[in-house]
Each structure stands twice: as structure tokens, then as C-alpha cells.
Amino acid sequence: MKKMTWKCVDYKDGNEQVSLDDVEDVTTKDFKAMIEKYYEEDHEESIPLIYEAILRRKLLKKHEDSDNELMEEIMEKPRVRKLPDVKSECR
């Protein structure tokens, strides 16, 4: 996934206009894979990538319906977090 880059196109009245031409789209398949990796492997390093993907998808306004469906699907899945193996010293 390419990093987001912004180009200043114009500057009027203190409002900066930017071009989104350089924002690479994140496919629904790739986005879902990121989320599944986080949930299945408890892969916390995925969190920044997921947030960046959300931002890209929101900026491009291409995936609103599929994102809503994906969020419903995710909310239905229970998240099972693996706990470390702990041995009790109590008798």
C-alpha cells in the first residue's frame, strides 16, 4: 500500500484545496484482510494500517455501502482474545 501524498492545488480565502489524485484506493478485499489479520492473530501492528485504509476509503468516497456491510459483519463476529498460559501457585 502506497503512502498518502497531498498536493496543494490552490489557496483561496485561507482554505486549502487538495488533489486526491495521489491517494491510492484500498480494495474491499485488502481492507477485509487487514481487519481479519488483526482479529484472528491479535496483530496490533495492523491498527495504523487499518486507520490509514479507513481514511483513504473515506476521502475517496468509493466504498460507503461496502464499508457499512463490512462493519455489520465484523460486529457480528465475537472477538476471542488469546490469554497467556498462566500457572496458578495456589493450593
N, C-alpha and C. Protein backbone atom coordinates (compact mmCIF):
# COMPACT_ATOMS: atom_id res chain seq x y z
N MET A 1 0.83 -1.16 0.00
CA MET A 1 0.00 0.00 0.00
C MET A 1 0.89 1.24 0.00
N LYS A 2 0.62 2.15 -0.92
CA LYS A 2 1.40 3.37 -1.06
C LYS A 2 0.98 4.39 0.00
N LYS A 3 1.93 5.17 0.49
CA LYS A 3 1.63 6.23 1.46
C LYS A 3 0.84 7.33 0.78
N MET A 4 -0.04 7.98 1.56
CA MET A 4 -0.81 9.09 1.04
C MET A 4 0.09 10.30 0.81
N THR A 5 -0.10 10.95 -0.31
CA THR A 5 0.60 12.20 -0.55
C THR A 5 -0.43 13.25 -0.95
N TRP A 6 -0.19 14.46 -0.56
CA TRP A 6 -1.12 15.55 -0.84
C TRP A 6 -0.43 16.58 -1.73
N LYS A 7 -1.18 17.13 -2.67
CA LYS A 7 -0.65 18.20 -3.49
C LYS A 7 -1.53 19.43 -3.28
N CYS A 8 -0.90 20.55 -2.97
CA CYS A 8 -1.64 21.79 -2.84
C CYS A 8 -1.96 22.28 -4.25
N VAL A 9 -3.23 22.45 -4.55
CA VAL A 9 -3.65 22.87 -5.88
C VAL A 9 -3.88 24.38 -5.91
N ASP A 10 -4.52 24.90 -4.86
CA ASP A 10 -4.89 26.30 -4.85
C ASP A 10 -5.02 26.75 -3.40
N TYR A 11 -4.91 28.03 -3.19
CA TYR A 11 -5.07 28.56 -1.84
C TYR A 11 -5.87 29.85 -1.95
N LYS A 12 -7.13 29.80 -1.46
CA LYS A 12 -8.02 30.96 -1.53
C LYS A 12 -8.71 31.12 -0.18
N ASP A 13 -8.84 32.33 0.25
CA ASP A 13 -9.60 32.65 1.46
C ASP A 13 -9.18 31.81 2.66
N GLY A 14 -7.93 31.40 2.72
CA GLY A 14 -7.45 30.62 3.85
C GLY A 14 -7.85 29.16 3.80
N ASN A 15 -8.57 28.75 2.77
CA ASN A 15 -8.98 27.34 2.62
C ASN A 15 -8.08 26.66 1.61
N GLU A 16 -7.42 25.62 2.05
CA GLU A 16 -6.52 24.90 1.16
C GLU A 16 -7.30 23.86 0.39
N GLN A 17 -7.09 23.82 -0.91
CA GLN A 17 -7.71 22.80 -1.74
C GLN A 17 -6.64 21.77 -2.06
N VAL A 18 -6.99 20.51 -1.95
CA VAL A 18 -6.01 19.46 -2.22
C VAL A 18 -6.51 18.55 -3.32
N SER A 19 -5.58 17.93 -3.99
CA SER A 19 -5.91 16.95 -5.01
C SER A 19 -5.84 15.56 -4.39
N LEU A 20 -6.82 14.75 -4.66
CA LEU A 20 -6.83 13.38 -4.15
C LEU A 20 -6.34 12.39 -5.20
N ASP A 21 -5.77 12.92 -6.28
CA ASP A 21 -5.29 12.05 -7.36
C ASP A 21 -4.23 11.06 -6.91
N ASP A 22 -3.47 11.44 -5.90
CA ASP A 22 -2.38 10.57 -5.45
C ASP A 22 -2.78 9.62 -4.33
N VAL A 23 -4.04 9.66 -3.90
CA VAL A 23 -4.48 8.77 -2.84
C VAL A 23 -4.84 7.43 -3.47
N GLU A 24 -4.09 6.41 -3.10
CA GLU A 24 -4.32 5.08 -3.65
C GLU A 24 -5.50 4.43 -2.95
N ASP A 25 -6.39 3.86 -3.73
CA ASP A 25 -7.57 3.20 -3.19
C ASP A 25 -7.17 1.90 -2.48
N VAL A 26 -7.92 1.55 -1.44
CA VAL A 26 -7.74 0.28 -0.74
C VAL A 26 -8.97 -0.56 -1.08
N THR A 27 -8.76 -1.68 -1.73
CA THR A 27 -9.89 -2.51 -2.13
C THR A 27 -10.58 -3.11 -0.91
N THR A 28 -11.83 -3.47 -1.10
CA THR A 28 -12.58 -4.10 -0.02
C THR A 28 -11.92 -5.40 0.40
N LYS A 29 -11.41 -6.14 -0.56
CA LYS A 29 -10.72 -7.41 -0.26
C LYS A 29 -9.50 -7.16 0.62
N ASP A 30 -8.68 -6.18 0.27
CA ASP A 30 -7.48 -5.86 1.06
C ASP A 30 -7.86 -5.33 2.44
N PHE A 31 -8.88 -4.48 2.49
CA PHE A 31 -9.32 -3.91 3.75
C PHE A 31 -9.83 -5.00 4.70
N LYS A 32 -10.61 -5.90 4.15
CA LYS A 32 -11.14 -7.01 4.95
C LYS A 32 -10.00 -7.90 5.45
N ALA A 33 -9.00 -8.14 4.61
CA ALA A 33 -7.85 -8.96 5.01
C ALA A 33 -7.09 -8.32 6.17
N MET A 34 -6.94 -6.99 6.14
CA MET A 34 -6.27 -6.29 7.24
C MET A 34 -7.02 -6.49 8.55
N ILE A 35 -8.33 -6.33 8.48
CA ILE A 35 -9.16 -6.45 9.68
C ILE A 35 -9.14 -7.89 10.20
N GLU A 36 -9.25 -8.85 9.29
CA GLU A 36 -9.23 -10.25 9.72
C GLU A 36 -7.89 -10.61 10.35
N LYS A 37 -6.81 -10.10 9.81
CA LYS A 37 -5.49 -10.37 10.40
C LYS A 37 -5.42 -9.84 11.82
N TYR A 38 -5.97 -8.65 12.01
CA TYR A 38 -5.98 -8.06 13.35
C TYR A 38 -6.79 -8.93 14.31
N TYR A 39 -7.99 -9.32 13.89
CA TYR A 39 -8.86 -10.10 14.77
C TYR A 39 -8.35 -11.51 15.01
N GLU A 40 -7.92 -12.18 13.96
CA GLU A 40 -7.52 -13.58 14.08
C GLU A 40 -6.18 -13.76 14.78
N GLU A 41 -5.25 -12.85 14.52
CA GLU A 41 -3.90 -13.00 15.07
C GLU A 41 -3.61 -12.02 16.20
N ASP A 42 -4.62 -11.21 16.57
CA ASP A 42 -4.43 -10.18 17.59
C ASP A 42 -3.19 -9.34 17.23
N HIS A 43 -3.12 -8.98 15.97
CA HIS A 43 -1.96 -8.31 15.37
C HIS A 43 -2.10 -6.79 15.55
N GLU A 44 -1.65 -6.27 16.68
CA GLU A 44 -1.82 -4.86 17.00
C GLU A 44 -1.07 -3.93 16.04
N GLU A 45 -0.05 -4.44 15.38
CA GLU A 45 0.69 -3.62 14.42
C GLU A 45 -0.17 -3.26 13.21
N SER A 46 -1.30 -3.96 13.03
CA SER A 46 -2.20 -3.68 11.91
C SER A 46 -3.05 -2.44 12.14
N ILE A 47 -3.16 -1.99 13.37
CA ILE A 47 -4.07 -0.88 13.68
C ILE A 47 -3.77 0.38 12.87
N PRO A 48 -2.51 0.85 12.79
CA PRO A 48 -2.26 2.06 11.98
C PRO A 48 -2.62 1.86 10.50
N LEU A 49 -2.37 0.67 9.97
CA LEU A 49 -2.72 0.40 8.57
C LEU A 49 -4.22 0.42 8.36
N ILE A 50 -4.96 -0.10 9.34
CA ILE A 50 -6.42 -0.11 9.25
C ILE A 50 -6.94 1.33 9.28
N TYR A 51 -6.42 2.14 10.19
CA TYR A 51 -6.85 3.54 10.26
C TYR A 51 -6.52 4.29 8.97
N GLU A 52 -5.36 4.05 8.41
CA GLU A 52 -4.99 4.70 7.16
C GLU A 52 -5.91 4.25 6.03
N ALA A 53 -6.24 2.97 6.01
CA ALA A 53 -7.15 2.45 4.98
C ALA A 53 -8.53 3.08 5.12
N ILE A 54 -9.01 3.23 6.36
CA ILE A 54 -10.31 3.87 6.59
C ILE A 54 -10.27 5.30 6.06
N LEU A 55 -9.21 6.03 6.37
CA LEU A 55 -9.09 7.41 5.91
C LEU A 55 -9.08 7.49 4.39
N ARG A 56 -8.30 6.63 3.75
CA ARG A 56 -8.26 6.63 2.28
C ARG A 56 -9.64 6.37 1.69
N ARG A 57 -10.32 5.36 2.23
CA ARG A 57 -11.63 4.99 1.71
C ARG A 57 -12.65 6.10 1.93
N LYS A 58 -12.58 6.78 3.06
CA LYS A 58 -13.50 7.90 3.34
C LYS A 58 -13.20 9.08 2.42
N LEU A 59 -11.92 9.39 2.23
CA LEU A 59 -11.55 10.51 1.37
C LEU A 59 -12.01 10.29 -0.07
N LEU A 60 -11.87 9.08 -0.55
CA LEU A 60 -12.23 8.77 -1.93
C LEU A 60 -13.73 8.57 -2.12
N LYS A 61 -14.46 8.36 -1.03
CA LYS A 61 -15.93 8.20 -1.06
C LYS A 61 -16.37 7.13 -2.05
N LYS A 62 -15.65 6.03 -2.10
CA LYS A 62 -15.97 4.97 -3.05
C LYS A 62 -16.62 3.75 -2.42
N HIS A 63 -16.47 3.57 -1.13
CA HIS A 63 -16.83 2.29 -0.53
C HIS A 63 -17.85 2.40 0.60
N GLU A 64 -18.68 3.42 0.59
CA GLU A 64 -19.57 3.66 1.72
C GLU A 64 -20.48 2.46 1.98
N ASP A 65 -21.11 1.92 0.94
CA ASP A 65 -22.03 0.78 1.14
C ASP A 65 -21.29 -0.47 1.58
N SER A 66 -20.19 -0.78 0.92
CA SER A 66 -19.45 -1.99 1.29
C SER A 66 -18.82 -1.86 2.68
N ASP A 67 -18.44 -0.64 3.07
CA ASP A 67 -17.89 -0.44 4.42
C ASP A 67 -18.96 -0.67 5.48
N ASN A 68 -20.18 -0.21 5.22
CA ASN A 68 -21.27 -0.45 6.16
C ASN A 68 -21.55 -1.94 6.30
N GLU A 69 -21.57 -2.66 5.19
CA GLU A 69 -21.78 -4.11 5.23
C GLU A 69 -20.65 -4.81 5.99
N LEU A 70 -19.44 -4.38 5.73
CA LEU A 70 -18.27 -4.98 6.40
C LEU A 70 -18.32 -4.73 7.91
N MET A 71 -18.70 -3.53 8.31
CA MET A 71 -18.80 -3.21 9.74
C MET A 71 -19.88 -4.06 10.42
N GLU A 72 -21.00 -4.27 9.75
CA GLU A 72 -22.05 -5.14 10.31
C GLU A 72 -21.52 -6.56 10.48
N GLU A 73 -20.81 -7.04 9.48
CA GLU A 73 -20.23 -8.39 9.54
C GLU A 73 -19.23 -8.51 10.69
N ILE A 74 -18.40 -7.50 10.85
CA ILE A 74 -17.39 -7.52 11.92
C ILE A 74 -18.06 -7.49 13.29
N MET A 75 -19.08 -6.66 13.43
CA MET A 75 -19.75 -6.52 14.73
C MET A 75 -20.44 -7.82 15.15
N GLU A 76 -20.83 -8.64 14.18
CA GLU A 76 -21.49 -9.91 14.48
C GLU A 76 -20.51 -10.97 14.98
N LYS A 77 -19.24 -10.84 14.60
CA LYS A 77 -18.24 -11.84 14.99
C LYS A 77 -17.77 -11.59 16.42
N PRO A 78 -17.78 -12.62 17.24
CA PRO A 78 -17.20 -12.42 18.57
C PRO A 78 -15.68 -12.39 18.47
N ARG A 79 -15.08 -11.55 19.23
CA ARG A 79 -13.61 -11.47 19.24
C ARG A 79 -13.10 -12.27 20.41
N VAL A 80 -12.32 -13.27 20.11
CA VAL A 80 -11.74 -14.11 21.15
C VAL A 80 -10.27 -13.74 21.27
N ARG A 81 -9.91 -13.25 22.41
CA ARG A 81 -8.51 -12.87 22.63
C ARG A 81 -7.80 -14.00 23.35
N LYS A 82 -6.66 -14.38 22.82
CA LYS A 82 -5.88 -15.45 23.44
C LYS A 82 -5.23 -14.91 24.71
N LEU A 83 -5.41 -15.62 25.78
CA LEU A 83 -4.79 -15.24 27.04
C LEU A 83 -3.51 -16.03 27.24
N PRO A 84 -2.55 -15.43 27.90
CA PRO A 84 -1.29 -16.16 28.13
C PRO A 84 -1.54 -17.34 29.06
N ASP A 85 -0.73 -18.36 28.90
CA ASP A 85 -0.83 -19.55 29.74
C ASP A 85 -0.28 -19.19 31.12
N VAL A 86 -1.17 -19.20 32.11
CA VAL A 86 -0.79 -18.81 33.47
C VAL A 86 -0.95 -20.01 34.38
N LYS A 87 0.08 -20.29 35.15
CA LYS A 87 0.01 -21.39 36.11
C LYS A 87 -0.21 -20.81 37.49
N SER A 88 -1.19 -21.32 38.16
CA SER A 88 -1.51 -20.84 39.50
C SER A 88 -0.61 -21.50 40.53
N GLU A 89 -0.18 -20.72 41.49
CA GLU A 89 0.63 -21.26 42.57
C GLU A 89 -0.20 -21.49 43.82
N CYS A 90 -1.50 -21.32 43.70
CA CYS A 90 -2.39 -21.54 44.84
C CYS A 90 -2.62 -23.04 45.03
N ARG A 91 -2.83 -23.45 46.25
CA ARG A 91 -3.08 -24.88 46.51
C ARG A 91 -4.50 -25.12 46.82
